[in-house]
Protein backbone atom coordinates (compact mmCIF):
# COMPACT_ATOMS: atom_id res chain seq x y z
CA MET A 1 -10.26 -53.11 -140.61
CA ASP A 2 -8.83 -56.57 -140.12
CA ILE A 3 -5.43 -56.60 -138.41
CA HIS A 4 -3.27 -59.64 -139.07
CA VAL A 5 -0.54 -61.25 -136.94
CA GLY A 6 2.77 -59.46 -137.41
CA GLN A 7 1.24 -56.16 -138.59
CA TRP A 8 2.68 -52.90 -137.20
CA VAL A 9 0.05 -51.39 -134.88
CA GLU A 10 -0.42 -49.04 -131.95
CA ILE A 11 -2.16 -49.90 -128.70
CA SER A 12 -3.14 -47.85 -125.68
CA TRP A 13 -4.14 -48.57 -122.09
CA ILE A 14 -4.66 -46.73 -118.81
CA ALA A 15 -1.35 -47.05 -116.96
CA ILE A 16 -2.43 -45.04 -113.89
CA THR A 17 -6.02 -44.19 -113.02
CA ALA A 18 -6.88 -40.67 -111.89
CA ASN A 19 -7.24 -41.73 -108.23
CA GLU A 20 -3.81 -43.49 -108.34
CA ARG A 21 -1.98 -40.30 -109.36
CA ALA A 22 0.73 -38.95 -107.05
CA GLY A 23 -0.30 -36.15 -104.73
CA ASN A 24 2.50 -33.85 -105.88
CA VAL A 25 1.32 -33.50 -109.50
CA PRO A 26 -0.79 -30.49 -110.54
CA GLU A 27 -4.51 -30.77 -109.78
CA SER A 28 -5.43 -30.71 -113.49
CA THR A 29 -3.11 -33.69 -114.05
CA ARG A 30 -4.45 -35.55 -111.02
CA GLN A 31 -7.97 -35.43 -112.47
CA VAL A 32 -7.20 -37.56 -115.55
CA PRO A 33 -5.68 -41.01 -116.03
CA LEU A 34 -2.21 -41.54 -117.48
CA VAL A 35 -2.72 -43.19 -120.86
CA ALA A 36 0.16 -45.22 -122.30
CA ARG A 37 0.61 -45.72 -126.05
CA VAL A 38 2.98 -48.21 -127.65
CA LYS A 39 3.71 -49.28 -131.22
CA GLY A 40 4.51 -52.91 -131.92
CA PHE A 41 3.76 -56.03 -133.95
CA ALA A 42 0.36 -57.65 -133.42
CA LEU A 43 0.53 -61.12 -131.90
CA GLU A 44 -3.09 -61.91 -132.77
CA ARG A 45 -5.77 -61.01 -135.30
CA ALA A 46 -8.00 -58.10 -134.29
CA GLU A 47 -10.18 -55.17 -135.30
CA LEU A 48 -9.68 -51.54 -134.26
CA GLY A 49 -10.98 -51.17 -130.71
CA ASP A 50 -10.21 -54.77 -129.73
CA GLU A 51 -7.85 -55.60 -126.89
CA ILE A 52 -4.74 -57.31 -128.27
CA GLU A 53 -1.19 -58.25 -127.35
CA VAL A 54 1.78 -56.80 -129.23
CA VAL A 55 5.53 -57.18 -129.07
CA SER A 56 7.44 -53.89 -129.11
CA LEU A 57 10.70 -53.24 -130.94
CA ALA A 58 12.40 -53.70 -127.56
CA GLY A 59 10.90 -57.19 -127.33
CA ARG A 60 8.34 -56.40 -124.60
CA LYS A 61 4.93 -58.06 -124.79
CA LEU A 62 2.17 -55.60 -123.92
CA ARG A 63 -1.63 -55.73 -123.96
CA GLY A 64 -3.95 -52.84 -124.75
CA THR A 65 -6.71 -51.49 -126.96
CA LEU A 66 -5.86 -51.40 -130.67
CA ILE A 67 -6.04 -47.74 -131.74
CA ASP A 68 -4.17 -47.61 -135.05
CA ALA A 69 -3.00 -49.86 -137.87
CA SER A 70 0.32 -49.05 -139.57
CA PRO A 71 0.96 -45.97 -137.37
CA ARG A 72 3.47 -43.40 -138.53
CA HIS A 73 6.15 -41.69 -136.48
CA SER A 74 4.84 -38.14 -136.30
CA HIS A 75 7.60 -36.40 -134.36
CA GLY A 76 9.98 -33.94 -135.96
CA PHE A 77 12.69 -31.49 -135.08
CA GLY A 78 10.91 -28.29 -136.12
CA GLU A 79 11.78 -25.83 -138.84
CA PRO A 80 15.37 -25.79 -140.16
CA GLN A 81 17.50 -23.10 -138.52
CA PRO A 82 19.42 -21.07 -141.14
CA GLU A 83 22.43 -20.69 -138.85
CA LEU A 84 22.71 -24.46 -138.39
CA LEU A 85 22.30 -25.22 -142.09
CA ARG A 86 25.60 -23.42 -142.81
CA VAL A 87 27.66 -24.82 -139.92
CA GLY A 88 28.95 -27.92 -141.72
CA SER A 89 30.18 -26.14 -144.84
CA GLU A 90 31.68 -23.26 -142.82
CA LEU A 91 33.51 -25.67 -140.53
CA ARG A 92 34.92 -27.66 -143.47
CA ARG A 93 36.10 -24.41 -145.07
CA GLU A 94 37.85 -23.34 -141.83
CA LEU A 95 39.47 -26.75 -141.36
CA GLU A 96 40.86 -26.69 -144.90
CA ALA A 97 42.45 -23.27 -144.40
């Protein structure tokens, strides 16, 4: 897949190696590196797996391995809570009374 300049991408890099981890973190954590992932706009042409530079939405220039093209935001807020779905209409009703 050919990535062009200005395309929305995601990169990753090892921010802290396993032997650089702090001594007060759990042993299972200390055994693996801390991998950083950032989404941004490609500043150069590349293929997946290439090392490239991006500029984040905050304007930071970062370099890492290209892991995704046109990444999506995958976070959510979970299932809707029935009690919270009614709060707005109940509050409006009480304020009108």
